[in-house]
Amino acid sequence: MVNKVASAKVDRDQLREQIKDKYTEVALEPEKGFHFHTGRPLAMMLGYDPAEVDRLPASAVDSFAGTGNPFSMGPLHPGEVVLDMACGAGFDTLQAARRVGPGGRVIAVDMTPAMREKTAAGAAALGLTNVEVRAGYMEELPLDDASVDVVISNGAINLTPDKVAVMREVWRVLRPGGRFQIADIVVYREIPQDAKDDLALWSSCIAGALLDSEWKWVLEHAGFREVRWGQQVDVFSGSKHESDAKEFLTRGVTFAGAKPA
């Protein structure tokens, strides 16, 4: 039984800079090939609607590097306010903006400038006026308390050493009765401490991964209820530069939960 998921002992600023460098490459050179799949093939693997993907700008699709499909966990409704946490190139942001309509709003937050620029450009290309792009970190979200109805995120929380802090921030910005729909990764073999202390493995989406029991502890500890688990997909095998994901039985996973009203 998991009693606690502690923050990893890495230099957070150094880690952030390394991750920014990696995802700047994903933004500017998506064709380069990484240890994870990207683009339209990945979107099809994760069950996105092909027609929805075809409506998006190529720049948003090409640099997509998610691990699941947050929309598979439930619909967004017209008029809702949505936070896309660590929005990347805006693949999910732009779809969310279409779903909530002009009466709703999507706030897209990311720490990587090249990704924020892609999200803003994609919104402009589609004529979406209900998207706001902000710089920020998942552990320190630039939003007011109880200001959003839904938090979505895709493949990013594993990149932070303090998952408890992230989910507490999700709790803080959600209105009572609000919900999250998140995709991330889970491992089925515990990551050894020397791997957790290896910065190179963090940007490879390995060192920061949690066991499913650890994820459940984090969500319960943050106070969320009605937690549901969705599909799991092997989003690493077959990529251009396969990593240690196979060794740790790593899978993309989707999950959802609610803040009590």
Protein backbone atom coordinates (compact mmCIF):
# COMPACT_ATOMS: atom_id res chain seq x y z
CA MET A 1 0.00 0.00 0.00
CA VAL A 2 1.33 3.44 -0.94
CA ASN A 3 1.66 5.80 2.03
CA LYS A 4 3.23 8.79 0.32
CA VAL A 5 4.47 10.01 -3.04
CA ALA A 6 7.35 12.35 -2.26
CA SER A 7 8.73 15.09 -4.46
CA ALA A 8 11.78 13.88 -6.39
CA LYS A 9 15.18 15.26 -5.38
CA VAL A 10 16.25 17.01 -8.56
CA ASP A 11 17.15 20.61 -9.32
CA ARG A 12 13.78 21.94 -10.47
CA ASP A 13 15.18 24.89 -12.43
CA GLN A 14 17.68 22.70 -14.23
CA LEU A 15 14.97 20.16 -14.97
CA ARG A 16 12.66 22.83 -16.36
CA GLU A 17 15.35 24.17 -18.67
CA GLN A 18 16.11 20.68 -19.96
CA ILE A 19 12.43 20.01 -20.63
CA LYS A 20 12.03 23.38 -22.35
CA ASP A 21 14.91 22.48 -24.65
CA LYS A 22 13.38 19.10 -25.48
CA TYR A 23 9.92 20.46 -26.24
CA THR A 24 11.28 23.41 -28.17
CA GLU A 25 12.67 20.73 -30.49
CA VAL A 26 9.25 19.08 -30.65
CA ALA A 27 7.73 22.46 -31.53
CA LEU A 28 10.28 23.50 -34.15
CA GLU A 29 11.48 20.15 -35.55
CA PRO A 30 8.62 17.66 -35.10
CA GLU A 31 9.88 15.57 -37.99
CA LYS A 32 13.14 14.88 -36.16
CA GLY A 33 11.83 11.81 -34.34
CA PHE A 34 11.82 11.24 -30.59
CA HIS A 35 11.48 8.44 -28.04
CA PHE A 36 7.71 9.01 -28.20
CA HIS A 37 5.33 9.13 -31.15
CA THR A 38 4.07 12.50 -32.44
CA GLY A 39 1.62 14.04 -34.86
CA ARG A 40 -1.38 12.57 -36.64
CA PRO A 41 -0.28 8.91 -36.29
CA LEU A 42 -0.18 9.39 -32.51
CA ALA A 43 -3.60 11.08 -32.53
CA MET A 44 -5.08 8.12 -34.40
CA MET A 45 -3.41 5.72 -31.97
CA LEU A 46 -5.10 7.58 -29.10
CA GLY A 47 -8.57 7.53 -30.60
CA TYR A 48 -9.07 11.13 -31.65
CA ASP A 49 -11.77 11.82 -34.24
CA PRO A 50 -10.00 12.01 -37.63
CA ALA A 51 -12.41 14.72 -38.82
CA GLU A 52 -11.61 16.85 -35.75
CA VAL A 53 -7.88 16.42 -36.34
CA ASP A 54 -8.25 17.39 -40.00
CA ARG A 55 -9.80 20.71 -38.97
CA LEU A 56 -6.69 21.72 -37.00
CA PRO A 57 -3.69 23.63 -38.39
CA ALA A 58 -0.85 21.34 -39.43
CA SER A 59 1.48 23.09 -36.96
CA ALA A 60 -0.66 22.02 -34.00
CA VAL A 61 -1.00 18.45 -35.25
CA ASP A 62 2.65 17.91 -36.22
CA SER A 63 3.95 18.85 -32.76
CA PHE A 64 1.33 16.88 -30.83
CA ALA A 65 3.08 14.67 -28.26
CA GLY A 66 0.35 13.52 -25.88
CA THR A 67 -0.11 10.22 -24.08
CA GLY A 68 -3.90 9.89 -24.17
CA ASN A 69 -7.17 11.53 -25.14
CA PRO A 70 -8.66 13.69 -22.36
CA PHE A 71 -11.91 14.09 -24.34
CA SER A 72 -12.49 10.33 -24.11
CA MET A 73 -13.29 10.84 -20.42
CA GLY A 74 -16.34 13.01 -21.04
CA PRO A 75 -17.67 15.90 -23.10
CA LEU A 76 -16.99 19.59 -22.72
CA HIS A 77 -20.09 21.77 -22.71
CA PRO A 78 -20.83 25.09 -24.40
CA GLY A 79 -20.01 28.03 -22.14
CA GLU A 80 -17.53 26.20 -19.91
CA VAL A 81 -14.16 27.65 -18.89
CA VAL A 82 -11.36 25.17 -19.52
CA LEU A 83 -7.71 25.15 -18.49
CA ASP A 84 -5.35 23.24 -20.77
CA MET A 85 -2.41 22.70 -18.41
CA ALA A 86 0.92 22.38 -20.26
CA CYS A 87 -0.89 22.93 -23.56
CA GLY A 88 2.03 22.22 -25.88
CA ALA A 89 1.31 23.22 -29.49
CA GLY A 90 -2.39 23.60 -28.79
CA PHE A 91 -3.69 20.31 -30.18
CA ASP A 92 -6.19 19.86 -27.33
CA THR A 93 -6.63 23.60 -26.71
CA LEU A 94 -8.05 24.24 -30.16
CA GLN A 95 -10.42 21.28 -29.99
CA ALA A 96 -11.60 22.38 -26.55
CA ALA A 97 -12.20 25.93 -27.82
CA ARG A 98 -14.44 24.59 -30.56
CA ARG A 99 -16.39 22.47 -28.09
CA VAL A 100 -17.08 25.19 -25.50
CA GLY A 101 -18.01 27.67 -28.24
CA PRO A 102 -17.85 31.46 -28.23
CA GLY A 103 -19.64 31.59 -24.88
CA GLY A 104 -16.88 29.54 -23.28
CA ARG A 105 -13.17 30.09 -22.85
CA VAL A 106 -9.94 28.08 -22.90
CA ILE A 107 -6.89 29.22 -20.95
CA ALA A 108 -3.76 27.52 -22.31
CA VAL A 109 -0.73 27.47 -20.01
CA ASP A 110 2.76 26.28 -20.93
CA MET A 111 6.32 27.05 -19.84
CA THR A 112 7.89 26.65 -23.30
CA PRO A 113 7.74 29.83 -25.44
CA ALA A 114 7.84 27.97 -28.79
CA MET A 115 4.82 25.89 -27.78
CA ARG A 116 2.87 28.93 -26.58
CA GLU A 117 3.57 30.65 -29.89
CA LYS A 118 2.23 27.64 -31.80
CA THR A 119 -0.94 27.56 -29.71
CA ALA A 120 -1.59 31.28 -30.22
CA ALA A 121 -0.89 31.00 -33.95
CA GLY A 122 -3.25 28.03 -34.25
CA ALA A 123 -6.06 29.89 -32.51
CA ALA A 124 -5.54 32.88 -34.82
CA ALA A 125 -5.51 30.65 -37.90
CA LEU A 126 -8.87 29.19 -36.92
CA GLY A 127 -10.34 32.56 -35.96
CA LEU A 128 -10.88 31.43 -32.36
CA THR A 129 -11.31 34.41 -30.05
CA ASN A 130 -11.99 32.35 -26.92
CA VAL A 131 -8.39 31.16 -26.38
CA GLU A 132 -5.98 32.89 -24.01
CA VAL A 133 -2.37 31.70 -23.85
CA ARG A 134 -0.38 32.27 -20.65
CA ALA A 135 3.17 31.49 -19.50
CA GLY A 136 3.34 29.43 -16.35
CA TYR A 137 4.23 26.26 -14.48
CA MET A 138 1.93 23.46 -13.40
CA GLU A 139 3.00 23.84 -9.76
CA GLU A 140 2.22 27.58 -9.83
CA LEU A 141 -0.70 28.04 -12.22
CA PRO A 142 -1.31 31.67 -13.26
CA LEU A 143 -5.06 31.47 -12.53
CA ASP A 144 -7.37 32.64 -9.76
CA ASP A 145 -8.88 30.29 -7.22
CA ALA A 146 -12.08 28.51 -8.30
CA SER A 147 -11.96 30.06 -11.78
CA VAL A 148 -12.39 27.12 -14.19
CA ASP A 149 -14.92 24.37 -14.80
CA VAL A 150 -12.60 21.79 -16.34
CA VAL A 151 -8.84 21.10 -16.30
CA ILE A 152 -7.38 19.05 -19.13
CA SER A 153 -3.75 18.03 -19.59
CA ASN A 154 -1.96 15.58 -21.84
CA GLY A 155 1.31 13.85 -21.09
CA ALA A 156 2.90 16.55 -18.96
CA ILE A 157 2.50 15.88 -15.24
CA ASN A 158 5.14 13.13 -15.36
CA LEU A 159 7.62 15.88 -16.24
CA THR A 160 7.32 17.59 -12.86
CA PRO A 161 9.01 16.23 -9.72
CA ASP A 162 6.08 17.16 -7.44
CA LYS A 163 2.80 15.61 -8.57
CA VAL A 164 1.08 16.42 -5.29
CA ALA A 165 1.76 20.13 -5.80
CA VAL A 166 0.38 19.95 -9.33
CA MET A 167 -2.86 18.26 -8.31
CA ARG A 168 -3.30 20.69 -5.42
CA GLU A 169 -3.08 23.49 -7.98
CA VAL A 170 -5.67 21.71 -10.13
CA TRP A 171 -7.90 21.55 -7.04
CA ARG A 172 -7.30 25.24 -6.30
CA VAL A 173 -8.27 26.57 -9.74
CA LEU A 174 -11.32 24.33 -10.13
CA ARG A 175 -14.70 25.62 -9.07
CA PRO A 176 -16.63 23.46 -6.59
CA GLY A 177 -18.12 20.66 -8.64
CA GLY A 178 -15.49 21.16 -11.35
CA ARG A 179 -13.65 18.25 -12.92
CA PHE A 180 -10.37 17.23 -14.47
CA GLN A 181 -9.77 15.00 -17.53
CA ILE A 182 -6.09 14.17 -17.77
CA ALA A 183 -3.80 11.94 -19.79
CA ASP A 184 -0.38 11.01 -18.47
CA ILE A 185 1.75 7.89 -18.10
CA VAL A 186 1.88 5.01 -15.67
CA VAL A 187 4.54 2.35 -15.10
CA TYR A 188 4.11 -1.24 -13.92
CA ARG A 189 7.66 -1.66 -12.66
CA GLU A 190 8.83 0.73 -9.98
CA ILE A 191 11.42 3.30 -11.09
CA PRO A 192 14.63 2.93 -9.04
CA GLN A 193 15.97 5.95 -7.21
CA ASP A 194 19.08 6.26 -9.41
CA ALA A 195 16.81 6.63 -12.44
CA LYS A 196 14.66 9.22 -10.66
CA ASP A 197 17.85 11.19 -10.00
CA ASP A 198 18.92 11.07 -13.68
CA LEU A 199 17.86 14.31 -15.38
CA ALA A 200 18.27 12.78 -18.83
CA LEU A 201 15.55 10.26 -18.04
CA TRP A 202 13.13 12.97 -16.98
CA SER A 203 12.76 14.51 -20.42
CA SER A 204 12.41 10.95 -21.72
CA CYS A 205 9.13 10.69 -19.75
CA ILE A 206 10.50 7.85 -17.64
CA ALA A 207 11.99 9.05 -14.36
CA GLY A 208 8.90 11.01 -13.38
CA ALA A 209 6.38 8.26 -14.06
CA LEU A 210 4.26 6.81 -11.25
CA LEU A 211 2.84 3.40 -10.54
CA ASP A 212 -0.95 3.24 -10.80
CA SER A 213 -1.16 2.82 -7.01
CA GLU A 214 0.91 5.99 -6.57
CA TRP A 215 -1.36 7.95 -8.92
CA LYS A 216 -4.38 6.81 -6.93
CA TRP A 217 -2.73 8.00 -3.72
CA VAL A 218 -1.93 11.41 -5.23
CA LEU A 219 -5.51 11.95 -6.41
CA GLU A 220 -7.05 10.83 -3.14
CA HIS A 221 -4.58 12.90 -1.13
CA ALA A 222 -5.49 16.00 -3.16
CA GLY A 223 -9.16 15.49 -2.26
CA PHE A 224 -10.65 14.43 -5.59
CA ARG A 225 -13.66 12.14 -5.78
CA GLU A 226 -15.42 10.14 -8.48
CA VAL A 227 -12.05 9.16 -9.96
CA ARG A 228 -12.40 7.12 -13.15
CA TRP A 229 -9.75 5.39 -15.27
CA GLY A 230 -9.86 5.16 -19.05
CA GLN A 231 -7.84 3.56 -21.80
CA GLN A 232 -4.18 2.64 -21.60
CA VAL A 233 -2.02 2.79 -24.72
CA ASP A 234 1.61 1.90 -25.41
CA VAL A 235 2.71 5.27 -26.78
CA PHE A 236 6.46 4.55 -26.80
CA SER A 237 7.08 1.23 -28.55
CA GLY A 238 7.89 1.64 -32.22
CA SER A 239 8.95 5.27 -31.94
CA LYS A 240 12.14 6.39 -33.69
CA HIS A 241 14.21 6.36 -30.50
CA GLU A 242 12.66 3.84 -28.13
CA SER A 243 13.68 4.54 -24.57
CA ASP A 244 13.59 2.65 -21.28
CA ALA A 245 9.80 2.73 -21.47
CA LYS A 246 9.72 -0.95 -22.43
CA GLU A 247 11.79 -1.96 -19.41
CA PHE A 248 9.36 -0.29 -17.01
CA LEU A 249 6.19 -1.37 -18.85
CA THR A 250 5.19 2.23 -19.46
CA ARG A 251 1.71 3.08 -20.76
CA GLY A 252 -0.19 6.22 -21.57
CA VAL A 253 -3.27 6.46 -19.35
CA THR A 254 -6.33 8.68 -19.06
CA PHE A 255 -8.18 9.44 -15.85
CA ALA A 256 -10.79 11.86 -14.57
CA GLY A 257 -12.17 13.08 -11.27
CA ALA A 258 -14.15 15.83 -9.60
CA LYS A 259 -13.80 18.44 -6.89
CA PRO A 260 -16.74 18.05 -4.52
CA ALA A 261 -19.42 20.71 -4.88
